[in-house]
């Protein structure tokens, strides 16, 4: 009678299990990359929005007191509008808007004061 030697290598079951585990890891990684990409895009958009509002606030602060009045400005996909209230100091509410892909507006708002 011949002795059966221990064979080395992987069985088909071990190979299938490892392929399933690797596939789950790849799907998880692809999902994470997609989510990270979306969040980076949102962060960039929010930063642009905030920078536009701050830029307009600085422009209004640089104007002489009697020239500070309400207005609107369009910059790319963004609409920046500001409302002036009060006498001394003038309260300026700035709002930057863009349309979300679902059609609802998203805004960033700040308030600055203009003194004589």
N, C-alpha and C. Protein backbone atom coordinates (compact mmCIF):
# COMPACT_ATOMS: atom_id res chain seq x y z
N UNK A 1 0.82 -1.15 0.00
CA UNK A 1 0.00 0.00 0.00
C UNK A 1 0.88 1.25 0.00
N UNK A 2 0.47 2.26 -0.79
CA UNK A 2 1.22 3.50 -0.87
C UNK A 2 0.74 4.49 0.17
N UNK A 3 1.71 5.19 0.69
CA UNK A 3 1.40 6.22 1.66
C UNK A 3 0.97 7.49 0.94
N UNK A 4 -0.10 8.13 1.40
CA UNK A 4 -0.56 9.38 0.78
C UNK A 4 0.25 10.52 1.38
N UNK A 5 0.86 11.28 0.50
CA UNK A 5 1.65 12.41 0.98
C UNK A 5 0.73 13.61 1.18
N UNK A 6 1.13 14.45 2.15
CA UNK A 6 0.38 15.68 2.37
C UNK A 6 0.65 16.61 1.19
N UNK A 7 -0.41 17.03 0.54
CA UNK A 7 -0.24 17.91 -0.60
C UNK A 7 -0.27 19.36 -0.14
N UNK A 8 0.49 20.18 -0.80
CA UNK A 8 0.54 21.59 -0.44
C UNK A 8 -0.22 22.40 -1.48
N UNK A 9 -0.79 23.55 -1.02
CA UNK A 9 -1.55 24.41 -1.93
C UNK A 9 -2.88 24.77 -1.30
N UNK A 10 -3.70 25.39 -2.10
CA UNK A 10 -5.00 25.84 -1.62
C UNK A 10 -6.08 24.95 -2.18
N UNK A 11 -7.11 24.78 -1.38
CA UNK A 11 -8.28 24.06 -1.90
C UNK A 11 -9.17 25.08 -2.61
N UNK A 12 -10.09 24.58 -3.38
CA UNK A 12 -11.01 25.45 -4.09
C UNK A 12 -11.85 26.27 -3.11
N UNK A 13 -12.23 25.71 -2.01
CA UNK A 13 -13.02 26.42 -1.01
C UNK A 13 -12.21 27.58 -0.42
N UNK A 14 -10.97 27.35 -0.07
CA UNK A 14 -10.12 28.41 0.47
C UNK A 14 -9.95 29.54 -0.55
N UNK A 15 -9.78 29.18 -1.79
CA UNK A 15 -9.62 30.18 -2.84
C UNK A 15 -10.88 31.02 -3.00
N UNK A 16 -12.05 30.39 -2.99
CA UNK A 16 -13.31 31.13 -3.12
C UNK A 16 -13.53 32.06 -1.93
N UNK A 17 -13.22 31.61 -0.73
CA UNK A 17 -13.39 32.44 0.46
C UNK A 17 -12.46 33.66 0.37
N UNK A 18 -11.24 33.46 -0.04
CA UNK A 18 -10.31 34.59 -0.13
C UNK A 18 -10.75 35.59 -1.22
N UNK A 19 -11.29 35.10 -2.32
CA UNK A 19 -11.78 35.99 -3.38
C UNK A 19 -12.95 36.82 -2.87
N UNK A 20 -13.86 36.21 -2.11
CA UNK A 20 -15.00 36.93 -1.55
C UNK A 20 -14.52 38.01 -0.57
N UNK A 21 -13.57 37.69 0.27
CA UNK A 21 -13.05 38.65 1.24
C UNK A 21 -12.38 39.82 0.53
N UNK A 22 -11.60 39.55 -0.49
CA UNK A 22 -10.94 40.61 -1.26
C UNK A 22 -11.98 41.47 -1.98
N UNK A 23 -13.02 40.84 -2.54
CA UNK A 23 -14.07 41.60 -3.24
C UNK A 23 -14.79 42.54 -2.28
N UNK A 24 -15.07 42.09 -1.07
CA UNK A 24 -15.72 42.94 -0.07
C UNK A 24 -14.82 44.13 0.26
N UNK A 25 -13.53 43.89 0.40
CA UNK A 25 -12.59 44.97 0.67
C UNK A 25 -12.52 45.97 -0.46
N UNK A 26 -12.50 45.51 -1.69
CA UNK A 26 -12.44 46.41 -2.85
C UNK A 26 -13.71 47.25 -2.95
N UNK A 27 -14.87 46.64 -2.73
CA UNK A 27 -16.13 47.39 -2.77
C UNK A 27 -16.14 48.44 -1.67
N UNK A 28 -15.69 48.09 -0.48
CA UNK A 28 -15.62 49.06 0.62
C UNK A 28 -14.69 50.20 0.31
N UNK A 29 -13.55 49.90 -0.27
CA UNK A 29 -12.59 50.93 -0.64
C UNK A 29 -13.16 51.86 -1.71
N UNK A 30 -13.80 51.29 -2.72
CA UNK A 30 -14.40 52.11 -3.79
C UNK A 30 -15.48 53.02 -3.23
N UNK A 31 -16.28 52.52 -2.31
CA UNK A 31 -17.32 53.34 -1.69
C UNK A 31 -16.69 54.49 -0.90
N UNK A 32 -15.64 54.19 -0.15
CA UNK A 32 -14.97 55.22 0.64
C UNK A 32 -14.36 56.29 -0.25
N UNK A 33 -13.78 55.91 -1.36
CA UNK A 33 -13.19 56.87 -2.29
C UNK A 33 -14.28 57.76 -2.88
N UNK A 34 -15.41 57.18 -3.24
CA UNK A 34 -16.51 57.97 -3.79
C UNK A 34 -17.05 58.97 -2.78
N UNK A 35 -17.23 58.55 -1.54
CA UNK A 35 -17.72 59.44 -0.49
C UNK A 35 -16.70 60.55 -0.20
N UNK A 36 -15.44 60.21 -0.16
CA UNK A 36 -14.40 61.22 0.09
C UNK A 36 -14.37 62.24 -1.04
N UNK A 37 -14.52 61.79 -2.26
CA UNK A 37 -14.53 62.70 -3.40
C UNK A 37 -15.71 63.67 -3.32
N UNK A 38 -16.87 63.16 -2.97
CA UNK A 38 -18.06 64.01 -2.82
C UNK A 38 -17.87 65.03 -1.71
N UNK A 39 -17.33 64.62 -0.59
CA UNK A 39 -17.11 65.54 0.53
C UNK A 39 -16.06 66.59 0.19
N UNK A 40 -15.05 66.23 -0.56
CA UNK A 40 -14.05 67.22 -0.99
C UNK A 40 -14.68 68.26 -1.91
N UNK A 41 -15.55 67.82 -2.81
CA UNK A 41 -16.24 68.74 -3.70
C UNK A 41 -17.13 69.69 -2.90
N UNK A 42 -17.87 69.15 -1.94
CA UNK A 42 -18.73 69.99 -1.10
C UNK A 42 -17.90 71.00 -0.31
N UNK A 43 -16.79 70.55 0.22
CA UNK A 43 -15.92 71.46 0.97
C UNK A 43 -15.38 72.58 0.11
N UNK A 44 -15.00 72.26 -1.11
CA UNK A 44 -14.50 73.29 -2.03
C UNK A 44 -15.61 74.28 -2.35
N UNK A 45 -16.80 73.78 -2.62
CA UNK A 45 -17.93 74.65 -2.94
C UNK A 45 -18.27 75.56 -1.76
N UNK A 46 -18.29 75.02 -0.56
CA UNK A 46 -18.59 75.82 0.63
C UNK A 46 -17.51 76.87 0.88
N UNK A 47 -16.25 76.52 0.63
CA UNK A 47 -15.16 77.48 0.78
C UNK A 47 -15.30 78.62 -0.23
N UNK A 48 -15.61 78.28 -1.49
CA UNK A 48 -15.82 79.32 -2.50
C UNK A 48 -16.96 80.25 -2.10
N UNK A 49 -18.03 79.67 -1.61
CA UNK A 49 -19.18 80.45 -1.19
C UNK A 49 -18.81 81.42 -0.07
N UNK A 50 -18.11 80.92 0.93
CA UNK A 50 -17.69 81.77 2.06
C UNK A 50 -16.72 82.85 1.61
N UNK A 51 -15.80 82.52 0.73
CA UNK A 51 -14.84 83.51 0.24
C UNK A 51 -15.53 84.62 -0.55
N UNK A 52 -16.54 84.27 -1.34
CA UNK A 52 -17.27 85.29 -2.09
C UNK A 52 -18.02 86.23 -1.16
N UNK A 53 -18.62 85.70 -0.11
CA UNK A 53 -19.33 86.55 0.85
C UNK A 53 -18.35 87.46 1.57
N UNK A 54 -17.23 86.92 2.00
CA UNK A 54 -16.23 87.74 2.70
C UNK A 54 -15.64 88.80 1.77
N UNK A 55 -15.43 88.45 0.51
CA UNK A 55 -14.92 89.41 -0.46
C UNK A 55 -15.90 90.58 -0.63
N UNK A 56 -17.17 90.27 -0.75
CA UNK A 56 -18.16 91.33 -0.90
C UNK A 56 -18.25 92.16 0.37
N UNK A 57 -18.14 91.54 1.52
CA UNK A 57 -18.17 92.30 2.79
C UNK A 57 -17.00 93.28 2.84
N UNK A 58 -15.83 92.86 2.43
CA UNK A 58 -14.67 93.75 2.41
C UNK A 58 -14.86 94.89 1.42
N UNK A 59 -15.47 94.60 0.27
CA UNK A 59 -15.74 95.65 -0.70
C UNK A 59 -16.69 96.71 -0.12
N UNK A 60 -17.72 96.24 0.58
CA UNK A 60 -18.67 97.17 1.17
C UNK A 60 -18.04 97.98 2.30
N UNK A 61 -17.16 97.36 3.08
CA UNK A 61 -16.48 98.09 4.15
C UNK A 61 -15.56 99.18 3.60
N UNK A 62 -15.03 98.95 2.41
CA UNK A 62 -14.11 99.91 1.81
C UNK A 62 -14.82 101.12 1.22
N UNK A 63 -16.14 101.00 1.01
CA UNK A 63 -16.90 102.13 0.44
C UNK A 63 -17.10 103.23 1.47
N UNK A 64 -17.25 104.47 1.02
CA UNK A 64 -17.64 105.53 1.94
C UNK A 64 -19.02 105.20 2.53
N UNK A 65 -19.26 105.66 3.74
CA UNK A 65 -20.47 105.32 4.48
C UNK A 65 -21.75 105.60 3.69
N UNK A 66 -21.83 106.75 3.03
CA UNK A 66 -23.06 107.11 2.33
C UNK A 66 -23.29 106.31 1.04
N UNK A 67 -22.30 105.58 0.56
CA UNK A 67 -22.46 104.77 -0.65
C UNK A 67 -22.81 103.31 -0.36
N UNK A 68 -22.85 102.93 0.90
CA UNK A 68 -23.19 101.54 1.25
C UNK A 68 -24.70 101.38 1.12
N UNK A 69 -25.12 100.59 0.14
CA UNK A 69 -26.54 100.33 -0.09
C UNK A 69 -26.75 98.92 -0.61
N UNK A 70 -27.99 98.48 -0.60
CA UNK A 70 -28.34 97.10 -0.99
C UNK A 70 -27.96 96.83 -2.43
N UNK A 71 -27.74 95.56 -2.73
CA UNK A 71 -27.38 95.19 -4.09
C UNK A 71 -27.33 93.70 -4.29
N UNK A 72 -27.02 93.31 -5.53
CA UNK A 72 -26.90 91.91 -5.92
C UNK A 72 -25.75 91.78 -6.90
N UNK A 73 -25.07 90.65 -6.84
CA UNK A 73 -23.96 90.38 -7.75
C UNK A 73 -23.98 88.89 -8.07
N UNK A 74 -23.71 88.55 -9.32
CA UNK A 74 -23.64 87.14 -9.71
C UNK A 74 -22.19 86.80 -10.01
N UNK A 75 -21.75 85.70 -9.46
CA UNK A 75 -20.37 85.24 -9.65
C UNK A 75 -20.42 83.75 -9.97
N UNK A 76 -20.27 83.41 -11.26
CA UNK A 76 -20.35 82.01 -11.66
C UNK A 76 -21.75 81.45 -11.36
N UNK A 77 -21.79 80.36 -10.59
CA UNK A 77 -23.06 79.73 -10.21
C UNK A 77 -23.67 80.34 -8.96
N UNK A 78 -23.01 81.34 -8.39
CA UNK A 78 -23.43 81.90 -7.11
C UNK A 78 -24.08 83.28 -7.30
N UNK A 79 -25.08 83.55 -6.49
CA UNK A 79 -25.70 84.87 -6.45
C UNK A 79 -25.43 85.44 -5.06
N UNK A 80 -24.84 86.62 -5.02
CA UNK A 80 -24.54 87.28 -3.76
C UNK A 80 -25.46 88.49 -3.66
N UNK A 81 -26.19 88.56 -2.57
CA UNK A 81 -27.04 89.74 -2.38
C UNK A 81 -26.88 90.24 -0.96
N UNK A 82 -27.08 91.55 -0.80
CA UNK A 82 -26.92 92.14 0.52
C UNK A 82 -28.01 93.16 0.74
N UNK A 83 -28.41 93.24 2.01
CA UNK A 83 -29.46 94.15 2.44
C UNK A 83 -28.85 95.08 3.49
N UNK A 84 -29.15 96.38 3.38
CA UNK A 84 -28.62 97.36 4.32
C UNK A 84 -29.78 97.87 5.17
N UNK A 85 -29.59 97.86 6.49
CA UNK A 85 -30.62 98.32 7.43
C UNK A 85 -29.99 99.27 8.44
N UNK A 86 -30.80 100.16 8.98
CA UNK A 86 -30.34 101.04 10.04
C UNK A 86 -29.66 102.29 9.51
N UNK A 87 -29.29 103.15 10.48
CA UNK A 87 -28.67 104.43 10.11
C UNK A 87 -27.21 104.48 10.55
N UNK A 88 -26.95 104.45 11.83
CA UNK A 88 -25.55 104.47 12.29
C UNK A 88 -25.41 103.57 13.50
N UNK A 89 -24.84 102.43 13.37
CA UNK A 89 -24.18 101.89 12.19
C UNK A 89 -25.18 101.23 11.24
N UNK A 90 -24.77 101.10 10.00
CA UNK A 90 -25.58 100.37 9.03
C UNK A 90 -25.31 98.88 9.22
N UNK A 91 -26.37 98.12 9.27
CA UNK A 91 -26.26 96.65 9.40
C UNK A 91 -26.40 96.07 8.00
N UNK A 92 -25.36 95.38 7.55
CA UNK A 92 -25.36 94.80 6.20
C UNK A 92 -25.41 93.28 6.33
N UNK A 93 -26.48 92.68 5.82
CA UNK A 93 -26.63 91.23 5.82
C UNK A 93 -26.31 90.73 4.42
N UNK A 94 -25.25 89.92 4.31
CA UNK A 94 -24.82 89.38 3.02
C UNK A 94 -25.19 87.91 2.95
N UNK A 95 -25.66 87.51 1.77
CA UNK A 95 -26.07 86.13 1.58
C UNK A 95 -25.59 85.67 0.21
N UNK A 96 -24.92 84.54 0.17
CA UNK A 96 -24.50 83.94 -1.10
C UNK A 96 -25.32 82.67 -1.29
N UNK A 97 -25.91 82.53 -2.46
CA UNK A 97 -26.80 81.40 -2.76
C UNK A 97 -26.33 80.63 -3.99
N UNK A 98 -26.63 79.36 -4.00
CA UNK A 98 -26.51 78.56 -5.21
C UNK A 98 -27.60 77.51 -5.15
N UNK A 99 -27.96 76.99 -6.30
CA UNK A 99 -28.99 75.96 -6.34
C UNK A 99 -28.36 74.59 -6.19
N UNK A 100 -28.82 73.85 -5.21
CA UNK A 100 -28.38 72.48 -5.00
C UNK A 100 -28.89 71.65 -6.16
N UNK A 101 -28.26 70.55 -6.45
CA UNK A 101 -28.69 69.75 -7.60
C UNK A 101 -30.12 69.24 -7.45
N UNK A 102 -30.64 69.22 -6.25
CA UNK A 102 -32.04 68.83 -6.04
C UNK A 102 -32.98 70.01 -6.22
N UNK A 103 -32.44 71.18 -6.59
CA UNK A 103 -33.27 72.34 -6.87
C UNK A 103 -33.52 73.26 -5.69
N UNK A 104 -33.08 72.89 -4.51
CA UNK A 104 -33.30 73.78 -3.36
C UNK A 104 -32.08 74.68 -3.18
N UNK A 105 -32.31 75.95 -2.79
CA UNK A 105 -31.18 76.87 -2.62
C UNK A 105 -30.40 76.58 -1.34
N UNK A 106 -29.09 76.76 -1.41
CA UNK A 106 -28.21 76.63 -0.26
C UNK A 106 -27.53 77.98 -0.10
N UNK A 107 -27.43 78.47 1.15
CA UNK A 107 -26.91 79.82 1.36
C UNK A 107 -25.87 79.85 2.46
N UNK A 108 -25.01 80.87 2.38
CA UNK A 108 -24.07 81.22 3.43
C UNK A 108 -24.32 82.68 3.74
N UNK A 109 -24.53 83.02 5.00
CA UNK A 109 -24.91 84.38 5.37
C UNK A 109 -23.98 84.92 6.44
N UNK A 110 -23.60 86.20 6.30
CA UNK A 110 -22.86 86.89 7.35
C UNK A 110 -23.46 88.29 7.53
N UNK A 111 -23.20 88.89 8.68
CA UNK A 111 -23.66 90.24 8.97
C UNK A 111 -22.44 91.08 9.34
N UNK A 112 -22.34 92.26 8.73
CA UNK A 112 -21.26 93.20 9.05
C UNK A 112 -21.90 94.56 9.33
N UNK A 113 -21.18 95.40 10.00
CA UNK A 113 -21.66 96.73 10.32
C UNK A 113 -20.75 97.78 9.70
N UNK A 114 -21.36 98.83 9.18
CA UNK A 114 -20.62 99.93 8.58
C UNK A 114 -20.84 101.18 9.44
N UNK A 115 -19.77 101.76 9.95
CA UNK A 115 -19.85 102.94 10.81
C UNK A 115 -19.43 104.17 10.04
N UNK A 116 -19.89 105.33 10.52
CA UNK A 116 -19.46 106.60 9.92
C UNK A 116 -18.00 106.82 10.18
